[in-house]
Protein backbone atom coordinates (compact mmCIF):
# COMPACT_ATOMS: atom_id res chain seq x y z
CA UNK A 1 22.22 25.24 1.88
CA UNK A 2 23.43 27.32 -1.03
CA UNK A 3 27.08 26.72 -1.90
CA UNK A 4 27.71 30.01 -3.69
CA UNK A 5 26.81 33.69 -3.72
CA UNK A 6 25.88 35.39 -6.99
CA UNK A 7 26.76 39.06 -7.60
CA UNK A 8 25.35 41.10 -10.47
CA UNK A 9 27.98 43.01 -12.44
CA UNK A 10 25.46 45.60 -13.61
CA UNK A 11 21.96 46.91 -12.88
CA UNK A 12 20.63 45.11 -15.96
CA UNK A 13 21.25 41.54 -14.80
CA UNK A 14 18.52 38.88 -14.86
CA UNK A 15 18.60 35.69 -12.89
CA UNK A 16 16.41 32.69 -13.55
CA UNK A 17 15.98 30.49 -10.51
CA UNK A 18 14.42 27.06 -10.96
CA UNK A 19 13.23 25.43 -7.76
CA UNK A 20 14.68 21.97 -7.19
CA UNK A 21 11.27 20.33 -7.73
CA UNK A 22 11.11 21.81 -11.23
CA UNK A 23 14.70 20.86 -11.96
CA UNK A 24 14.01 17.32 -10.78
CA UNK A 25 11.04 17.07 -13.16
CA UNK A 26 13.05 18.45 -16.08
CA UNK A 27 15.87 15.97 -15.42
CA UNK A 28 13.40 13.06 -15.62
CA UNK A 29 12.66 13.87 -19.24
CA UNK A 30 16.00 15.15 -20.52
CA UNK A 31 18.97 12.79 -20.24
CA UNK A 32 21.47 15.43 -21.38
CA UNK A 33 20.27 17.86 -18.70
CA UNK A 34 20.46 15.13 -16.04
CA UNK A 35 24.05 14.32 -17.01
CA UNK A 36 24.95 18.03 -17.04
CA UNK A 37 23.48 18.61 -13.56
CA UNK A 38 25.17 15.44 -12.24
CA UNK A 39 28.50 16.72 -13.55
CA UNK A 40 27.99 20.14 -11.94
CA UNK A 41 27.16 18.41 -8.64
CA UNK A 42 30.21 16.15 -9.01
CA UNK A 43 32.44 19.19 -9.66
CA UNK A 44 31.06 21.57 -7.04
CA UNK A 45 29.36 19.74 -4.18
CA UNK A 46 30.32 16.05 -4.07
CA UNK A 47 33.64 16.66 -2.28
CA UNK A 48 31.87 18.50 0.56
CA UNK A 49 29.17 15.83 0.80
CA UNK A 50 31.75 13.03 1.05
CA UNK A 51 33.85 14.92 3.60
CA UNK A 52 30.78 14.99 5.88
CA UNK A 53 30.92 11.17 6.14
CA UNK A 54 33.52 10.02 8.72
CA UNK A 55 35.07 7.24 6.60
CA UNK A 56 35.86 9.68 3.76
CA UNK A 57 36.95 12.56 6.03
CA UNK A 58 40.50 11.22 6.48
CA UNK A 59 41.15 10.32 2.83
CA UNK A 60 43.91 12.30 1.11
CA UNK A 61 42.63 14.59 -1.66
CA UNK A 62 44.03 12.41 -4.46
CA UNK A 63 42.18 9.34 -3.17
CA UNK A 64 38.97 11.33 -2.61
CA UNK A 65 39.20 12.50 -6.24
CA UNK A 66 39.34 8.85 -7.34
CA UNK A 67 36.22 8.12 -5.27
CA UNK A 68 34.42 11.14 -6.71
CA UNK A 69 35.17 10.06 -10.29
CA UNK A 70 33.44 6.70 -9.75
CA UNK A 71 30.56 7.81 -7.49
CA UNK A 72 27.08 7.03 -8.77
CA UNK A 73 23.88 8.97 -8.03
CA UNK A 74 20.43 7.50 -7.49
CA UNK A 75 16.93 8.68 -6.76
CA UNK A 76 14.32 6.32 -5.38
CA UNK A 77 10.70 6.54 -4.39
CA UNK A 78 7.77 8.80 -5.15
CA UNK A 79 8.06 12.52 -4.51
CA UNK A 80 4.32 12.74 -3.74
CA UNK A 81 4.44 9.93 -1.17
CA UNK A 82 3.26 12.11 1.73
CA UNK A 83 -0.19 12.42 0.19
CA UNK A 84 -0.50 8.61 0.05
CA UNK A 85 0.62 8.38 3.67
CA UNK A 86 -1.94 10.97 4.76
CA UNK A 87 -4.74 9.11 2.93
CA UNK A 88 -3.66 5.83 4.54
CA UNK A 89 -3.61 7.42 8.00
CA UNK A 90 -7.05 9.00 7.48
CA UNK A 91 -8.55 5.73 6.27
CA UNK A 92 -7.60 4.05 9.54
CA UNK A 93 -5.82 1.20 7.78
CA UNK A 94 -2.92 -0.17 9.75
CA UNK A 95 0.27 -1.72 8.55
CA UNK A 96 3.40 -0.66 6.78
CA UNK A 97 3.29 1.36 3.63
CA UNK A 98 3.48 -1.01 0.68
CA UNK A 99 5.28 1.37 -1.67
CA UNK A 100 8.81 1.23 -0.26
CA UNK A 101 11.20 0.49 -3.12
CA UNK A 102 14.30 -1.47 -2.13
CA UNK A 103 17.66 0.16 -2.74
CA UNK A 104 19.50 -3.01 -1.63
CA UNK A 105 18.19 -6.33 -0.34
CA UNK A 106 19.30 -8.73 2.35
CA UNK A 107 21.16 -11.68 0.83
CA UNK A 108 22.40 -9.78 -2.23
CA UNK A 109 26.03 -9.09 -3.09
CA UNK A 110 27.13 -5.72 -1.62
CA UNK A 111 27.56 -3.65 -4.80
CA UNK A 112 28.65 -0.54 -2.95
CA UNK A 113 28.32 1.72 0.04
CA UNK A 114 25.09 3.71 -0.08
CA UNK A 115 25.27 7.24 1.35
CA UNK A 116 21.94 8.86 2.11
CA UNK A 117 22.12 12.34 0.59
CA UNK A 118 18.52 13.42 1.20
CA UNK A 119 15.41 11.68 2.47
CA UNK A 120 15.10 8.62 4.65
CA UNK A 121 15.62 4.89 4.43
CA UNK A 122 14.42 2.00 6.55
CA UNK A 123 16.85 -0.78 7.46
CA UNK A 124 15.11 -4.10 8.07
CA UNK A 125 15.85 -7.80 8.37
CA UNK A 126 13.77 -10.84 7.49
CA UNK A 127 11.77 -12.02 10.47
CA UNK A 128 9.19 -14.78 10.17
CA UNK A 129 7.01 -14.04 7.14
CA UNK A 130 7.90 -10.36 7.06
CA UNK A 131 10.57 -7.86 7.92
CA UNK A 132 11.47 -6.25 11.22
CA UNK A 133 12.63 -2.64 11.22
CA UNK A 134 16.03 -2.21 12.87
CA UNK A 135 16.90 1.39 12.11
CA UNK A 136 16.19 4.46 10.03
CA UNK A 137 18.85 6.28 8.02
CA UNK A 138 18.87 9.97 7.16
CA UNK A 139 21.15 12.36 5.32
CA UNK A 140 24.86 11.60 5.78
CA UNK A 141 24.36 8.05 7.07
CA UNK A 142 25.70 5.01 5.24
CA UNK A 143 24.62 1.45 4.47
CA UNK A 144 26.67 -1.56 3.36
CA UNK A 145 30.05 -0.64 4.83
CA UNK A 146 30.12 -3.49 7.38
CA UNK A 147 29.72 -6.20 4.76
CA UNK A 148 32.21 -4.64 2.33
CA UNK A 149 34.81 -4.14 5.08
CA UNK A 150 34.30 -7.73 6.28
CA UNK A 151 34.69 -9.13 2.76
CA UNK A 152 37.81 -7.00 2.18
CA UNK A 153 39.44 -8.24 5.40
CA UNK A 154 38.30 -11.85 4.99
CA UNK A 155 38.08 -12.60 1.25
CA UNK A 156 37.86 -16.36 1.93
CA UNK A 157 34.64 -15.92 3.97
CA UNK A 158 32.54 -13.33 2.12
CA UNK A 159 29.09 -12.40 3.41
CA UNK A 160 26.11 -11.00 1.52
CA UNK A 161 24.17 -7.94 2.67
CA UNK A 162 22.76 -8.63 6.12
CA UNK A 163 19.90 -6.13 5.92
CA UNK A 164 17.48 -4.60 3.43
CA UNK A 165 17.46 -0.85 2.78
CA UNK A 166 14.12 0.55 1.63
CA UNK A 167 13.09 4.06 0.73
CA UNK A 168 10.68 5.97 2.91
CA UNK A 169 9.06 8.40 0.55
CA UNK A 170 11.60 9.98 -1.75
CA UNK A 171 15.36 9.63 -1.40
CA UNK A 172 18.60 10.73 -3.09
CA UNK A 173 21.66 8.54 -2.60
CA UNK A 174 25.33 8.46 -3.56
CA UNK A 175 26.75 4.99 -4.19
CA UNK A 176 30.47 4.26 -3.99
CA UNK A 177 31.09 0.95 -5.82
CA UNK A 178 32.59 -1.95 -3.88
CA UNK A 179 35.69 -2.04 -6.09
CA UNK A 180 36.44 1.61 -5.23
CA UNK A 181 35.91 0.93 -1.54
CA UNK A 182 38.28 -2.08 -1.65
CA UNK A 183 40.99 -0.52 -3.81
CA UNK A 184 40.97 3.13 -2.70
CA UNK A 185 39.09 3.76 0.55
CA UNK A 186 39.59 0.78 2.89
CA UNK A 187 43.40 0.59 2.55
CA UNK A 188 43.61 4.29 3.49
CA UNK A 189 41.18 4.24 6.42
CA UNK A 190 42.61 4.00 9.96
CA UNK A 191 42.01 0.51 11.36
CA UNK A 192 40.09 1.82 14.38
CA UNK A 193 37.43 3.27 12.03
CA UNK A 194 36.65 -0.21 10.73
């Protein structure tokens, strides 16, 4: 939803509205524009997005500001993926879509908590010669917290990521680095939330 209302101060005002698809395409080719838009998002909308996630809801404002300063943004997948899916479905071929980029893989070091901002992800685990789907994540859901919390509580017995997170289609994520989780978030979170 829109986060602001715009009022014209005169009858001679002009407003240029760029749809998000166009903005996304412009940001692919202009690094300065991408950084500018990321900063605007960080200043105006990141706080609200993080407050929607239960583990960040109870953080004091000063700690949330520290998290916001170190948050990273990522985009994965192919925006036009639905057309590929439709062609696959019409062809009658069975099986999982082969174009599911991994955001994080089972067995890797947990680099941070991944927050799904938009789109969907598939959580899977190795099973035989393939992967078995365990869950799907949508906007506002997180991945990687269990392993990071375990490693923070038991530093002598660290565990790698237990599951793989793959993109279904096209996905925007916010990543909070492990060091920020360990130094800022986990010490401030009520024990019953972990």
